[in-house]
Amino acid sequence: MGIIGWIVIGLIMGAIARAIVPGKQKGGWIVTLLLGIVGALLGGFIASAVFNTDVNEEFFDLGTWGFALVGSIIVVFIWSWFTSRKRT
């Protein structure tokens, strides 16, 4: 599975992560999709680096989707934290 597969998974996982993370996040659907793509790539990198697994084997592998979801949730949490801070 190449970069196109991770982008497709990221588009889906961005929407799911946005629904899971509590609170109101700023940004529209384009930001959500971009955060999902970044999160899916982050999840794939974390899976490869920490767990020494090859997540590029199958598109329909539950591990691939799980790591993409975890990465997307992390990125959406970070985005929410940065955009919700009060400016002084």
N, C-alpha and C. Protein backbone atom coordinates (compact mmCIF):
# COMPACT_ATOMS: atom_id res chain seq x y z
N MET A 1 0.85 -1.17 0.00
CA MET A 1 0.00 0.00 0.00
C MET A 1 0.89 1.23 0.00
N GLY A 2 0.67 2.11 -0.93
CA GLY A 2 1.51 3.28 -1.07
C GLY A 2 0.90 4.51 -0.42
N ILE A 3 1.43 5.62 -0.80
CA ILE A 3 1.00 6.90 -0.24
C ILE A 3 -0.46 7.18 -0.58
N ILE A 4 -0.92 6.74 -1.75
CA ILE A 4 -2.32 6.97 -2.13
C ILE A 4 -3.25 6.23 -1.18
N GLY A 5 -2.88 5.03 -0.79
CA GLY A 5 -3.69 4.27 0.18
C GLY A 5 -3.78 4.97 1.52
N TRP A 6 -2.64 5.52 1.97
CA TRP A 6 -2.65 6.24 3.25
C TRP A 6 -3.49 7.52 3.16
N ILE A 7 -3.50 8.15 2.01
CA ILE A 7 -4.32 9.35 1.83
C ILE A 7 -5.80 8.99 1.89
N VAL A 8 -6.19 7.91 1.23
CA VAL A 8 -7.59 7.49 1.26
C VAL A 8 -8.01 7.12 2.67
N ILE A 9 -7.17 6.35 3.37
CA ILE A 9 -7.48 6.01 4.76
C ILE A 9 -7.55 7.28 5.61
N GLY A 10 -6.64 8.22 5.38
CA GLY A 10 -6.62 9.46 6.14
C GLY A 10 -7.87 10.29 5.98
N LEU A 11 -8.42 10.30 4.77
CA LEU A 11 -9.66 11.03 4.54
C LEU A 11 -10.79 10.47 5.39
N ILE A 12 -10.86 9.17 5.46
CA ILE A 12 -11.92 8.52 6.25
C ILE A 12 -11.65 8.69 7.75
N MET A 13 -10.41 8.46 8.15
CA MET A 13 -10.07 8.51 9.57
C MET A 13 -10.15 9.94 10.13
N GLY A 14 -9.94 10.94 9.32
CA GLY A 14 -10.08 12.32 9.78
C GLY A 14 -11.51 12.61 10.21
N ALA A 15 -12.47 12.14 9.44
CA ALA A 15 -13.87 12.34 9.80
C ALA A 15 -14.23 11.56 11.05
N ILE A 16 -13.73 10.33 11.16
CA ILE A 16 -14.04 9.52 12.35
C ILE A 16 -13.38 10.12 13.59
N ALA A 17 -12.12 10.54 13.46
CA ALA A 17 -11.42 11.13 14.61
C ALA A 17 -12.10 12.41 15.06
N ARG A 18 -12.58 13.20 14.11
CA ARG A 18 -13.27 14.45 14.46
C ARG A 18 -14.55 14.16 15.23
N ALA A 19 -15.22 13.05 14.90
CA ALA A 19 -16.43 12.68 15.62
C ALA A 19 -16.12 12.12 17.01
N ILE A 20 -14.96 11.50 17.18
CA ILE A 20 -14.60 10.89 18.46
C ILE A 20 -14.12 11.93 19.46
N VAL A 21 -13.32 12.88 19.00
CA VAL A 21 -12.73 13.88 19.90
C VAL A 21 -13.84 14.80 20.42
N PRO A 22 -13.95 14.93 21.75
CA PRO A 22 -15.02 15.76 22.30
C PRO A 22 -14.75 17.25 22.10
N GLY A 23 -15.81 18.01 22.14
CA GLY A 23 -15.70 19.45 22.02
C GLY A 23 -15.85 19.93 20.60
N LYS A 24 -15.84 21.24 20.47
CA LYS A 24 -16.00 21.85 19.15
C LYS A 24 -14.62 22.20 18.60
N GLN A 25 -14.30 21.63 17.46
CA GLN A 25 -13.03 21.93 16.82
C GLN A 25 -13.24 22.99 15.74
N LYS A 26 -12.25 23.84 15.63
CA LYS A 26 -12.31 24.86 14.59
C LYS A 26 -11.80 24.28 13.29
N GLY A 27 -12.28 24.82 12.20
CA GLY A 27 -11.86 24.36 10.89
C GLY A 27 -13.01 23.64 10.20
N GLY A 28 -12.99 23.68 8.92
CA GLY A 28 -14.04 23.05 8.13
C GLY A 28 -13.69 21.64 7.73
N TRP A 29 -14.37 21.17 6.71
CA TRP A 29 -14.18 19.79 6.29
C TRP A 29 -12.84 19.60 5.59
N ILE A 30 -12.30 20.64 4.97
CA ILE A 30 -10.98 20.51 4.33
C ILE A 30 -9.91 20.32 5.39
N VAL A 31 -10.01 21.08 6.48
CA VAL A 31 -9.06 20.92 7.58
C VAL A 31 -9.18 19.53 8.18
N THR A 32 -10.40 19.04 8.32
CA THR A 32 -10.63 17.69 8.85
C THR A 32 -9.95 16.64 7.96
N LEU A 33 -10.10 16.77 6.68
CA LEU A 33 -9.50 15.80 5.76
C LEU A 33 -7.97 15.87 5.82
N LEU A 34 -7.43 17.08 5.87
CA LEU A 34 -5.98 17.23 5.95
C LEU A 34 -5.43 16.68 7.26
N LEU A 35 -6.14 16.93 8.37
CA LEU A 35 -5.72 16.38 9.65
C LEU A 35 -5.77 14.85 9.62
N GLY A 36 -6.76 14.30 8.96
CA GLY A 36 -6.86 12.84 8.85
C GLY A 36 -5.71 12.26 8.05
N ILE A 37 -5.33 12.92 6.97
CA ILE A 37 -4.21 12.44 6.17
C ILE A 37 -2.91 12.48 6.97
N VAL A 38 -2.68 13.61 7.65
CA VAL A 38 -1.47 13.73 8.48
C VAL A 38 -1.50 12.70 9.60
N GLY A 39 -2.67 12.50 10.19
CA GLY A 39 -2.79 11.51 11.27
C GLY A 39 -2.57 10.09 10.80
N ALA A 40 -3.07 9.75 9.63
CA ALA A 40 -2.86 8.40 9.09
C ALA A 40 -1.38 8.16 8.81
N LEU A 41 -0.71 9.16 8.25
CA LEU A 41 0.72 9.02 8.01
C LEU A 41 1.49 8.92 9.32
N LEU A 42 1.08 9.70 10.33
CA LEU A 42 1.70 9.63 11.65
C LEU A 42 1.48 8.25 12.27
N GLY A 43 0.26 7.73 12.17
CA GLY A 43 -0.03 6.41 12.71
C GLY A 43 0.79 5.32 12.04
N GLY A 44 0.95 5.41 10.73
CA GLY A 44 1.79 4.45 10.02
C GLY A 44 3.25 4.54 10.43
N PHE A 45 3.73 5.76 10.63
CA PHE A 45 5.11 5.95 11.07
C PHE A 45 5.32 5.39 12.48
N ILE A 46 4.37 5.68 13.38
CA ILE A 46 4.47 5.17 14.76
C ILE A 46 4.45 3.64 14.76
N ALA A 47 3.56 3.05 13.98
CA ALA A 47 3.48 1.59 13.92
C ALA A 47 4.78 0.98 13.41
N SER A 48 5.37 1.60 12.40
CA SER A 48 6.62 1.08 11.85
C SER A 48 7.79 1.26 12.82
N ALA A 49 7.85 2.42 13.47
CA ALA A 49 8.98 2.72 14.34
C ALA A 49 8.91 2.01 15.69
N VAL A 50 7.75 2.05 16.32
CA VAL A 50 7.63 1.53 17.68
C VAL A 50 7.40 0.03 17.70
N PHE A 51 6.47 -0.44 16.88
CA PHE A 51 6.09 -1.85 16.93
C PHE A 51 6.79 -2.70 15.88
N ASN A 52 7.62 -2.08 15.05
CA ASN A 52 8.38 -2.78 14.01
C ASN A 52 7.47 -3.66 13.14
N THR A 53 6.34 -3.12 12.76
CA THR A 53 5.41 -3.84 11.90
C THR A 53 5.41 -3.20 10.52
N ASP A 54 5.04 -3.99 9.54
CA ASP A 54 4.94 -3.49 8.18
C ASP A 54 3.48 -3.19 7.89
N VAL A 55 3.10 -1.94 7.96
CA VAL A 55 1.70 -1.55 7.76
C VAL A 55 1.39 -1.28 6.30
N ASN A 56 2.35 -1.47 5.43
CA ASN A 56 2.15 -1.21 4.01
C ASN A 56 1.73 -2.45 3.23
N GLU A 57 1.42 -3.53 3.92
CA GLU A 57 1.09 -4.77 3.23
C GLU A 57 -0.31 -4.77 2.64
N GLU A 58 -1.29 -4.52 3.45
CA GLU A 58 -2.68 -4.65 3.03
C GLU A 58 -3.46 -3.38 3.31
N PHE A 59 -4.32 -3.02 2.38
CA PHE A 59 -5.18 -1.86 2.57
C PHE A 59 -6.30 -2.17 3.54
N PHE A 60 -6.84 -3.38 3.49
CA PHE A 60 -7.98 -3.76 4.32
C PHE A 60 -7.58 -4.50 5.59
N ASP A 61 -6.39 -4.25 6.09
CA ASP A 61 -5.93 -4.85 7.33
C ASP A 61 -6.41 -4.00 8.50
N LEU A 62 -6.97 -4.64 9.53
CA LEU A 62 -7.49 -3.88 10.67
C LEU A 62 -6.38 -3.13 11.41
N GLY A 63 -5.19 -3.68 11.44
CA GLY A 63 -4.08 -2.99 12.09
C GLY A 63 -3.75 -1.68 11.40
N THR A 64 -3.78 -1.69 10.08
CA THR A 64 -3.51 -0.47 9.32
C THR A 64 -4.55 0.60 9.64
N TRP A 65 -5.80 0.22 9.64
CA TRP A 65 -6.88 1.17 9.93
C TRP A 65 -6.81 1.63 11.39
N GLY A 66 -6.45 0.72 12.30
CA GLY A 66 -6.35 1.09 13.72
C GLY A 66 -5.26 2.10 13.97
N PHE A 67 -4.07 1.86 13.38
CA PHE A 67 -2.98 2.82 13.55
C PHE A 67 -3.31 4.15 12.91
N ALA A 68 -3.99 4.12 11.78
CA ALA A 68 -4.40 5.37 11.13
C ALA A 68 -5.39 6.14 12.00
N LEU A 69 -6.30 5.42 12.65
CA LEU A 69 -7.26 6.07 13.53
C LEU A 69 -6.58 6.68 14.75
N VAL A 70 -5.67 5.94 15.36
CA VAL A 70 -4.95 6.46 16.53
C VAL A 70 -4.14 7.70 16.15
N GLY A 71 -3.45 7.65 15.03
CA GLY A 71 -2.69 8.82 14.58
C GLY A 71 -3.58 10.01 14.30
N SER A 72 -4.75 9.76 13.70
CA SER A 72 -5.68 10.85 13.40
C SER A 72 -6.24 11.47 14.67
N ILE A 73 -6.54 10.64 15.65
CA ILE A 73 -7.05 11.15 16.93
C ILE A 73 -5.98 12.02 17.61
N ILE A 74 -4.74 11.58 17.57
CA ILE A 74 -3.65 12.37 18.16
C ILE A 74 -3.54 13.72 17.48
N VAL A 75 -3.58 13.73 16.16
CA VAL A 75 -3.45 15.00 15.41
C VAL A 75 -4.65 15.91 15.67
N VAL A 76 -5.86 15.36 15.74
CA VAL A 76 -7.05 16.18 16.01
C VAL A 76 -7.01 16.75 17.43
N PHE A 77 -6.53 15.96 18.41
CA PHE A 77 -6.37 16.48 19.77
C PHE A 77 -5.38 17.64 19.80
N ILE A 78 -4.26 17.49 19.11
CA ILE A 78 -3.26 18.56 19.07
C ILE A 78 -3.84 19.79 18.38
N TRP A 79 -4.55 19.60 17.28
CA TRP A 79 -5.20 20.71 16.57
C TRP A 79 -6.20 21.42 17.48
N SER A 80 -7.01 20.65 18.20
CA SER A 80 -8.01 21.23 19.10
C SER A 80 -7.34 22.02 20.20
N TRP A 81 -6.23 21.52 20.72
CA TRP A 81 -5.54 22.20 21.79
C TRP A 81 -4.97 23.54 21.30
N PHE A 82 -4.35 23.52 20.12
CA PHE A 82 -3.76 24.75 19.59
C PHE A 82 -4.84 25.78 19.23
N THR A 83 -5.94 25.36 18.67
CA THR A 83 -6.96 26.32 18.22
C THR A 83 -7.87 26.77 19.34
N SER A 84 -7.90 26.07 20.46
CA SER A 84 -8.82 26.47 21.53
C SER A 84 -8.14 27.31 22.60
N ARG A 85 -6.84 27.47 22.52
CA ARG A 85 -6.15 28.31 23.52
C ARG A 85 -6.58 29.75 23.37
N LYS A 86 -6.75 30.41 24.50
CA LYS A 86 -7.15 31.84 24.47
C LYS A 86 -5.92 32.69 24.21
N ARG A 87 -6.10 33.63 23.35
CA ARG A 87 -5.02 34.56 23.04
C ARG A 87 -5.03 35.69 24.06
N THR A 88 -3.85 36.05 24.55
CA THR A 88 -3.77 37.14 25.53
C THR A 88 -3.22 38.39 24.93
